[in-house]
Amino acid sequence: MSGPGWDDLGEEDVDRLTTQVLRYGSRARPELRRIRLEGVDAVVKDYGRHGTVFKRLLGAWLARREEAALRRAQGLPGVPRVI
């Protein structure tokens, strides 16, 4: 049986795959974790782990906005790939 793929990671999977906590979440700041899956390093930005309903809603909006900006900037030097 294989583990989760990139598209179906849950909170427990992220905990298990974490190699480093880059920043713990607080107020409107998301938690940042470096994970390793399938030999690939990635950063998980989590607004909802410790937050209120407001933070979860605002976090979802901010995450979608950031993803759209990163997708538009794909191919430019120094821009991370969106998974």
PDB file of N, CA and C in Angstrom:
ATOM      1  N   MET A   1       0.844  -1.186   0.000  1.00  0.00           N
ATOM      2  CA  MET A   1       0.000   0.000   0.000  1.00  0.00           C
ATOM      3  C   MET A   1       0.883   1.240   0.000  1.00  0.00           C
ATOM      4  N   SER A   2       0.618   2.161  -0.864  1.00  0.00           N
ATOM      5  CA  SER A   2       1.414   3.377  -0.941  1.00  0.00           C
ATOM      6  C   SER A   2       0.776   4.460  -0.076  1.00  0.00           C
ATOM      7  N   GLY A   3       1.584   5.459   0.254  1.00  0.00           N
ATOM      8  CA  GLY A   3       1.100   6.559   1.078  1.00  0.00           C
ATOM      9  C   GLY A   3       0.345   7.573   0.241  1.00  0.00           C
ATOM     10  N   PRO A   4       0.038   8.692   0.851  1.00  0.00           N
ATOM     11  CA  PRO A   4      -0.728   9.728   0.150  1.00  0.00           C
ATOM     12  C   PRO A   4       0.092  10.386  -0.946  1.00  0.00           C
ATOM     13  N   GLY A   5      -0.603  10.905  -1.941  1.00  0.00           N
ATOM     14  CA  GLY A   5       0.048  11.693  -2.985  1.00  0.00           C
ATOM     15  C   GLY A   5      -0.124  13.166  -2.670  1.00  0.00           C
ATOM     16  N   TRP A   6       0.421  13.999  -3.530  1.00  0.00           N
ATOM     17  CA  TRP A   6       0.368  15.441  -3.299  1.00  0.00           C
ATOM     18  C   TRP A   6      -1.050  15.967  -3.192  1.00  0.00           C
ATOM     19  N   ASP A   7      -1.984  15.390  -3.940  1.00  0.00           N
ATOM     20  CA  ASP A   7      -3.340  15.932  -3.986  1.00  0.00           C
ATOM     21  C   ASP A   7      -4.217  15.538  -2.806  1.00  0.00           C
ATOM     22  N   ASP A   8      -3.791  14.558  -2.002  1.00  0.00           N
ATOM     23  CA  ASP A   8      -4.665  14.123  -0.915  1.00  0.00           C
ATOM     24  C   ASP A   8      -3.967  14.085   0.442  1.00  0.00           C
ATOM     25  N   LEU A   9      -3.093  15.050   0.697  1.00  0.00           N
ATOM     26  CA  LEU A   9      -2.429  15.131   1.990  1.00  0.00           C
ATOM     27  C   LEU A   9      -3.387  15.671   3.045  1.00  0.00           C
ATOM     28  N   GLY A  10      -3.454  14.982   4.163  1.00  0.00           N
ATOM     29  CA  GLY A  10      -4.229  15.465   5.296  1.00  0.00           C
ATOM     30  C   GLY A  10      -3.297  16.023   6.365  1.00  0.00           C
ATOM     31  N   GLU A  11      -3.879  16.545   7.419  1.00  0.00           N
ATOM     32  CA  GLU A  11      -3.086  17.141   8.496  1.00  0.00           C
ATOM     33  C   GLU A  11      -2.132  16.128   9.128  1.00  0.00           C
ATOM     34  N   GLU A  12      -2.608  14.887   9.334  1.00  0.00           N
ATOM     35  CA  GLU A  12      -1.744  13.848   9.913  1.00  0.00           C
ATOM     36  C   GLU A  12      -0.588  13.504   8.973  1.00  0.00           C
ATOM     37  N   ASP A  13      -0.847  13.493   7.665  1.00  0.00           N
ATOM     38  CA  ASP A  13       0.216  13.228   6.686  1.00  0.00           C
ATOM     39  C   ASP A  13       1.272  14.324   6.745  1.00  0.00           C
ATOM     40  N   VAL A  14       0.823  15.579   6.796  1.00  0.00           N
ATOM     41  CA  VAL A  14       1.767  16.702   6.862  1.00  0.00           C
ATOM     42  C   VAL A  14       2.609  16.592   8.131  1.00  0.00           C
ATOM     43  N   ASP A  15       1.975  16.243   9.262  1.00  0.00           N
ATOM     44  CA  ASP A  15       2.731  16.067  10.508  1.00  0.00           C
ATOM     45  C   ASP A  15       3.806  15.003  10.353  1.00  0.00           C
ATOM     46  N   ARG A  16       3.448  13.886   9.751  1.00  0.00           N
ATOM     47  CA  ARG A  16       4.380  12.765   9.596  1.00  0.00           C
ATOM     48  C   ARG A  16       5.513  13.091   8.627  1.00  0.00           C
ATOM     49  N   LEU A  17       5.218  13.863   7.576  1.00  0.00           N
ATOM     50  CA  LEU A  17       6.203  14.168   6.540  1.00  0.00           C
ATOM     51  C   LEU A  17       7.051  15.404   6.847  1.00  0.00           C
ATOM     52  N   THR A  18       6.735  16.116   7.937  1.00  0.00           N
ATOM     53  CA  THR A  18       7.445  17.349   8.272  1.00  0.00           C
ATOM     54  C   THR A  18       8.904  17.065   8.608  1.00  0.00           C
ATOM     55  N   THR A  19       9.794  17.789   7.945  1.00  0.00           N
ATOM     56  CA  THR A  19      11.216  17.705   8.261  1.00  0.00           C
ATOM     57  C   THR A  19      11.672  18.920   9.060  1.00  0.00           C
ATOM     58  N   GLN A  20      10.895  20.017   8.997  1.00  0.00           N
ATOM     59  CA  GLN A  20      11.250  21.227   9.731  1.00  0.00           C
ATOM     60  C   GLN A  20      10.022  22.137   9.820  1.00  0.00           C
ATOM     61  N   VAL A  21       9.783  22.675  11.011  1.00  0.00           N
ATOM     62  CA  VAL A  21       8.766  23.719  11.158  1.00  0.00           C
ATOM     63  C   VAL A  21       9.494  25.037  10.974  1.00  0.00           C
ATOM     64  N   LEU A  22       9.149  25.752   9.924  1.00  0.00           N
ATOM     65  CA  LEU A  22       9.817  27.011   9.611  1.00  0.00           C
ATOM     66  C   LEU A  22       9.257  28.159  10.442  1.00  0.00           C
ATOM     67  N   ARG A  23       7.946  28.104  10.735  1.00  0.00           N
ATOM     68  CA  ARG A  23       7.317  29.138  11.563  1.00  0.00           C
ATOM     69  C   ARG A  23       6.012  28.576  12.097  1.00  0.00           C
ATOM     70  N   TYR A  24       5.794  28.755  13.389  1.00  0.00           N
ATOM     71  CA  TYR A  24       4.517  28.373  13.976  1.00  0.00           C
ATOM     72  C   TYR A  24       3.494  29.466  13.693  1.00  0.00           C
ATOM     73  N   GLY A  25       2.259  29.070  13.496  1.00  0.00           N
ATOM     74  CA  GLY A  25       1.212  30.029  13.186  1.00  0.00           C
ATOM     75  C   GLY A  25       0.823  30.862  14.395  1.00  0.00           C
ATOM     76  N   SER A  26       0.415  32.074  14.140  1.00  0.00           N
ATOM     77  CA  SER A  26      -0.096  32.961  15.189  1.00  0.00           C
ATOM     78  C   SER A  26      -0.933  34.052  14.541  1.00  0.00           C
ATOM     79  N   ARG A  27      -2.004  34.409  15.203  1.00  0.00           N
ATOM     80  CA  ARG A  27      -2.915  35.439  14.699  1.00  0.00           C
ATOM     81  C   ARG A  27      -3.217  35.215  13.222  1.00  0.00           C
ATOM     82  N   ALA A  28      -2.829  36.144  12.375  1.00  0.00           N
ATOM     83  CA  ALA A  28      -3.116  36.017  10.941  1.00  0.00           C
ATOM     84  C   ALA A  28      -1.950  35.404  10.178  1.00  0.00           C
ATOM     85  N   ARG A  29      -0.930  34.941  10.888  1.00  0.00           N
ATOM     86  CA  ARG A  29       0.237  34.354  10.215  1.00  0.00           C
ATOM     87  C   ARG A  29       0.072  32.840  10.110  1.00  0.00           C
ATOM     88  N   PRO A  30       0.289  32.285   8.932  1.00  0.00           N
ATOM     89  CA  PRO A  30       0.144  30.837   8.762  1.00  0.00           C
ATOM     90  C   PRO A  30       1.339  30.079   9.329  1.00  0.00           C
ATOM     91  N   GLU A  31       1.106  28.818   9.629  1.00  0.00           N
ATOM     92  CA  GLU A  31       2.206  27.943  10.004  1.00  0.00           C
ATOM     93  C   GLU A  31       2.909  27.496   8.723  1.00  0.00           C
ATOM     94  N   LEU A  32       4.217  27.468   8.732  1.00  0.00           N
ATOM     95  CA  LEU A  32       5.001  27.032   7.574  1.00  0.00           C
ATOM     96  C   LEU A  32       5.795  25.801   7.952  1.00  0.00           C
ATOM     97  N   ARG A  33       5.643  24.735   7.166  1.00  0.00           N
ATOM     98  CA  ARG A  33       6.362  23.486   7.408  1.00  0.00           C
ATOM     99  C   ARG A  33       7.051  23.029   6.131  1.00  0.00           C
ATOM    100  N   ARG A  34       8.271  22.569   6.266  1.00  0.00           N
ATOM    101  CA  ARG A  34       8.966  21.928   5.154  1.00  0.00           C
ATOM    102  C   ARG A  34       8.658  20.439   5.266  1.00  0.00           C
ATOM    103  N   ILE A  35       8.189  19.865   4.156  1.00  0.00           N
ATOM    104  CA  ILE A  35       7.899  18.428   4.124  1.00  0.00           C
ATOM    105  C   ILE A  35       8.678  17.790   2.984  1.00  0.00           C
ATOM    106  N   ARG A  36       8.772  16.476   3.039  1.00  0.00           N
ATOM    107  CA  ARG A  36       9.411  15.708   1.969  1.00  0.00           C
ATOM    108  C   ARG A  36       8.494  14.546   1.612  1.00  0.00           C
ATOM    109  N   LEU A  37       8.106  14.493   0.335  1.00  0.00           N
ATOM    110  CA  LEU A  37       7.225  13.432  -0.160  1.00  0.00           C
ATOM    111  C   LEU A  37       7.716  13.001  -1.528  1.00  0.00           C
ATOM    112  N   GLU A  38       7.832  11.715  -1.713  1.00  0.00           N
ATOM    113  CA  GLU A  38       8.258  11.150  -3.005  1.00  0.00           C
ATOM    114  C   GLU A  38       9.588  11.756  -3.461  1.00  0.00           C
ATOM    115  N   GLY A  39      10.488  12.024  -2.494  1.00  0.00           N
ATOM    116  CA  GLY A  39      11.806  12.561  -2.816  1.00  0.00           C
ATOM    117  C   GLY A  39      11.825  14.038  -3.168  1.00  0.00           C
ATOM    118  N   VAL A  40      10.701  14.720  -2.964  1.00  0.00           N
ATOM    119  CA  VAL A  40      10.592  16.140  -3.305  1.00  0.00           C
ATOM    120  C   VAL A  40      10.336  16.940  -2.035  1.00  0.00           C
ATOM    121  N   ASP A  41      11.090  18.031  -1.848  1.00  0.00           N
ATOM    122  CA  ASP A  41      10.860  18.944  -0.732  1.00  0.00           C
ATOM    123  C   ASP A  41       9.823  19.978  -1.126  1.00  0.00           C
ATOM    124  N   ALA A  42       8.977  20.337  -0.161  1.00  0.00           N
ATOM    125  CA  ALA A  42       7.947  21.355  -0.402  1.00  0.00           C
ATOM    126  C   ALA A  42       7.690  22.098   0.899  1.00  0.00           C
ATOM    127  N   VAL A  43       7.086  23.269   0.782  1.00  0.00           N
ATOM    128  CA  VAL A  43       6.673  24.041   1.950  1.00  0.00           C
ATOM    129  C   VAL A  43       5.150  24.057   1.981  1.00  0.00           C
ATOM    130  N   VAL A  44       4.600  23.720   3.145  1.00  0.00           N
ATOM    131  CA  VAL A  44       3.156  23.745   3.355  1.00  0.00           C
ATOM    132  C   VAL A  44       2.836  24.982   4.178  1.00  0.00           C
ATOM    133  N   LYS A  45       1.924  25.780   3.677  1.00  0.00           N
ATOM    134  CA  LYS A  45       1.473  26.992   4.368  1.00  0.00           C
ATOM    135  C   LYS A  45       0.068  26.701   4.875  1.00  0.00           C
ATOM    136  N   ASP A  46      -0.107  26.713   6.205  1.00  0.00           N
ATOM    137  CA  ASP A  46      -1.372  26.295   6.803  1.00  0.00           C
ATOM    138  C   ASP A  46      -1.959  27.408   7.667  1.00  0.00           C
ATOM    139  N   TYR A  47      -3.033  28.031   7.186  1.00  0.00           N
ATOM    140  CA  TYR A  47      -3.718  29.073   7.934  1.00  0.00           C
ATOM    141  C   TYR A  47      -4.688  28.489   8.956  1.00  0.00           C
ATOM    142  N   GLY A  48      -5.144  27.268   8.750  1.00  0.00           N
ATOM    143  CA  GLY A  48      -6.234  26.739   9.551  1.00  0.00           C
ATOM    144  C   GLY A  48      -5.850  25.888  10.735  1.00  0.00           C
ATOM    145  N   ARG A  49      -4.607  25.560  10.903  1.00  0.00           N
ATOM    146  CA  ARG A  49      -4.200  24.620  11.947  1.00  0.00           C
ATOM    147  C   ARG A  49      -4.539  25.114  13.346  1.00  0.00           C
ATOM    148  N   HIS A  50      -4.326  26.372  13.636  1.00  0.00           N
ATOM    149  CA  HIS A  50      -4.542  26.881  14.991  1.00  0.00           C
ATOM    150  C   HIS A  50      -5.527  28.042  15.033  1.00  0.00           C
ATOM    151  N   GLY A  51      -6.260  28.247  13.962  1.00  0.00           N
ATOM    152  CA  GLY A  51      -6.997  29.492  13.860  1.00  0.00           C
ATOM    153  C   GLY A  51      -8.469  29.422  14.151  1.00  0.00           C
ATOM    154  N   THR A  52      -9.041  30.573  14.148  1.00  0.00           N
ATOM    155  CA  THR A  52     -10.474  30.738  14.317  1.00  0.00           C
ATOM    156  C   THR A  52     -11.151  30.598  12.953  1.00  0.00           C
ATOM    157  N   VAL A  53     -12.458  30.636  12.962  1.00  0.00           N
ATOM    158  CA  VAL A  53     -13.207  30.550  11.710  1.00  0.00           C
ATOM    159  C   VAL A  53     -12.812  31.713  10.796  1.00  0.00           C
ATOM    160  N   PHE A  54     -12.686  32.918  11.368  1.00  0.00           N
ATOM    161  CA  PHE A  54     -12.294  34.081  10.577  1.00  0.00           C
ATOM    162  C   PHE A  54     -10.940  33.846   9.907  1.00  0.00           C
ATOM    163  N   LYS A  55      -9.993  33.341  10.684  1.00  0.00           N
ATOM    164  CA  LYS A  55      -8.655  33.093  10.139  1.00  0.00           C
ATOM    165  C   LYS A  55      -8.720  32.037   9.036  1.00  0.00           C
ATOM    166  N   ARG A  56      -9.531  31.019   9.225  1.00  0.00           N
ATOM    167  CA  ARG A  56      -9.658  29.974   8.200  1.00  0.00           C
ATOM    168  C   ARG A  56     -10.248  30.543   6.912  1.00  0.00           C
ATOM    169  N   LEU A  57     -11.250  31.404   7.032  1.00  0.00           N
ATOM    170  CA  LEU A  57     -11.857  31.991   5.834  1.00  0.00           C
ATOM    171  C   LEU A  57     -10.893  32.962   5.163  1.00  0.00           C
ATOM    172  N   LEU A  58     -10.277  33.829   5.934  1.00  0.00           N
ATOM    173  CA  LEU A  58      -9.310  34.767   5.385  1.00  0.00           C
ATOM    174  C   LEU A  58      -8.119  34.014   4.806  1.00  0.00           C
ATOM    175  N   GLY A  59      -7.674  32.981   5.502  1.00  0.00           N
ATOM    176  CA  GLY A  59      -6.546  32.190   5.031  1.00  0.00           C
ATOM    177  C   GLY A  59      -6.821  31.525   3.696  1.00  0.00           C
ATOM    178  N   ALA A  60      -8.021  30.989   3.532  1.00  0.00           N
ATOM    179  CA  ALA A  60      -8.382  30.351   2.261  1.00  0.00           C
ATOM    180  C   ALA A  60      -8.339  31.369   1.129  1.00  0.00           C
ATOM    181  N   TRP A  61      -8.856  32.561   1.375  1.00  0.00           N
ATOM    182  CA  TRP A  61      -8.844  33.610   0.356  1.00  0.00           C
ATOM    183  C   TRP A  61      -7.417  34.039   0.034  1.00  0.00           C
ATOM    184  N   LEU A  62      -6.595  34.229   1.069  1.00  0.00           N
ATOM    185  CA  LEU A  62      -5.199  34.626   0.847  1.00  0.00           C
ATOM    186  C   LEU A  62      -4.419  33.542   0.105  1.00  0.00           C
ATOM    187  N   ALA A  63      -4.667  32.287   0.443  1.00  0.00           N
ATOM    188  CA  ALA A  63      -3.959  31.187  -0.216  1.00  0.00           C
ATOM    189  C   ALA A  63      -4.329  31.110  -1.701  1.00  0.00           C
ATOM    190  N   ARG A  64      -5.616  31.275  -2.020  1.00  0.00           N
ATOM    191  CA  ARG A  64      -6.038  31.262  -3.432  1.00  0.00           C
ATOM    192  C   ARG A  64      -5.412  32.431  -4.190  1.00  0.00           C
ATOM    193  N   ARG A  65      -5.377  33.581  -3.553  1.00  0.00           N
ATOM    194  CA  ARG A  65      -4.790  34.766  -4.182  1.00  0.00           C
ATOM    195  C   ARG A  65      -3.290  34.565  -4.442  1.00  0.00           C
ATOM    196  N   GLU A  66      -2.589  34.015  -3.449  1.00  0.00           N
ATOM    197  CA  GLU A  66      -1.162  33.766  -3.620  1.00  0.00           C
ATOM    198  C   GLU A  66      -0.918  32.709  -4.706  1.00  0.00           C
ATOM    199  N   GLU A  67      -1.722  31.658  -4.722  1.00  0.00           N
ATOM    200  CA  GLU A  67      -1.566  30.622  -5.747  1.00  0.00           C
ATOM    201  C   GLU A  67      -1.744  31.200  -7.145  1.00  0.00           C
ATOM    202  N   ALA A  68      -2.744  32.051  -7.322  1.00  0.00           N
ATOM    203  CA  ALA A  68      -2.985  32.668  -8.636  1.00  0.00           C
ATOM    204  C   ALA A  68      -1.786  33.516  -9.058  1.00  0.00           C
ATOM    205  N   ALA A  69      -1.226  34.274  -8.124  1.00  0.00           N
ATOM    206  CA  ALA A  69      -0.062  35.110  -8.444  1.00  0.00           C
ATOM    207  C   ALA A  69       1.147  34.250  -8.801  1.00  0.00           C
ATOM    208  N   LEU A  70       1.365  33.167  -8.060  1.00  0.00           N
ATOM    209  CA  LEU A  70       2.495  32.282  -8.356  1.00  0.00           C
ATOM    210  C   LEU A  70       2.330  31.598  -9.711  1.00  0.00           C
ATOM    211  N   ARG A  71       1.118  31.205 -10.035  1.00  0.00           N
ATOM    212  CA  ARG A  71       0.881  30.573 -11.343  1.00  0.00           C
ATOM    213  C   ARG A  71       1.143  31.554 -12.484  1.00  0.00           C
ATOM    214  N   ARG A  72       0.765  32.818 -12.307  1.00  0.00           N
ATOM    215  CA  ARG A  72       1.030  33.828 -13.331  1.00  0.00           C
ATOM    216  C   ARG A  72       2.528  34.076 -13.496  1.00  0.00           C
ATOM    217  N   ALA A  73       3.284  33.912 -12.424  1.00  0.00           N
ATOM    218  CA  ALA A  73       4.721  34.205 -12.452  1.00  0.00           C
ATOM    219  C   ALA A  73       5.569  32.966 -12.778  1.00  0.00           C
ATOM    220  N   GLN A  74       4.935  31.818 -13.030  1.00  0.00           N
ATOM    221  CA  GLN A  74       5.679  30.590 -13.321  1.00  0.00           C
ATOM    222  C   GLN A  74       6.676  30.826 -14.446  1.00  0.00           C
ATOM    223  N   GLY A  75       7.861  30.270 -14.285  1.00  0.00           N
ATOM    224  CA  GLY A  75       8.891  30.392 -15.298  1.00  0.00           C
ATOM    225  C   GLY A  75       9.872  31.522 -15.029  1.00  0.00           C
ATOM    226  N   LEU A  76       9.518  32.437 -14.138  1.00  0.00           N
ATOM    227  CA  LEU A  76      10.439  33.514 -13.791  1.00  0.00           C
ATOM    228  C   LEU A  76      11.461  32.990 -12.775  1.00  0.00           C
ATOM    229  N   PRO A  77      12.685  33.475 -12.848  1.00  0.00           N
ATOM    230  CA  PRO A  77      13.703  33.006 -11.891  1.00  0.00           C
ATOM    231  C   PRO A  77      13.293  33.275 -10.450  1.00  0.00           C
ATOM    232  N   GLY A  78      13.499  32.287  -9.582  1.00  0.00           N
ATOM    233  CA  GLY A  78      13.232  32.435  -8.158  1.00  0.00           C
ATOM    234  C   GLY A  78      11.800  32.233  -7.738  1.00  0.00           C
ATOM    235  N   VAL A  79      10.899  31.960  -8.682  1.00  0.00           N
ATOM    236  CA  VAL A  79       9.491  31.748  -8.334  1.00  0.00           C
ATOM    237  C   VAL A  79       9.276  30.260  -8.075  1.00  0.00           C
ATOM    238  N   PRO A  80       8.757  29.906  -6.873  1.00  0.00           N
ATOM    239  CA  PRO A  80       8.554  28.488  -6.571  1.00  0.00           C
ATOM    240  C   PRO A  80       7.417  27.892  -7.398  1.00  0.00           C
ATOM    241  N   ARG A  81       7.514  26.605  -7.622  1.00  0.00           N
ATOM    242  CA  ARG A  81       6.486  25.870  -8.362  1.00  0.00           C
ATOM    243  C   ARG A  81       5.314  25.574  -7.426  1.00  0.00           C
ATOM    244  N   VAL A  82       4.113  25.751  -7.893  1.00  0.00           N
ATOM    245  CA  VAL A  82       2.916  25.449  -7.118  1.00  0.00           C
ATOM    246  C   VAL A  82       2.588  23.982  -7.328  1.00  0.00           C
ATOM    247  N   ILE A  83       2.377  23.275  -6.223  1.00  0.00           N
ATOM    248  CA  ILE A  83       2.044  21.847  -6.300  1.00  0.00           C
ATOM    249  C   ILE A  83       0.561  21.682  -6.069  1.00  0.00           C
TER     250      ILE A  83
END
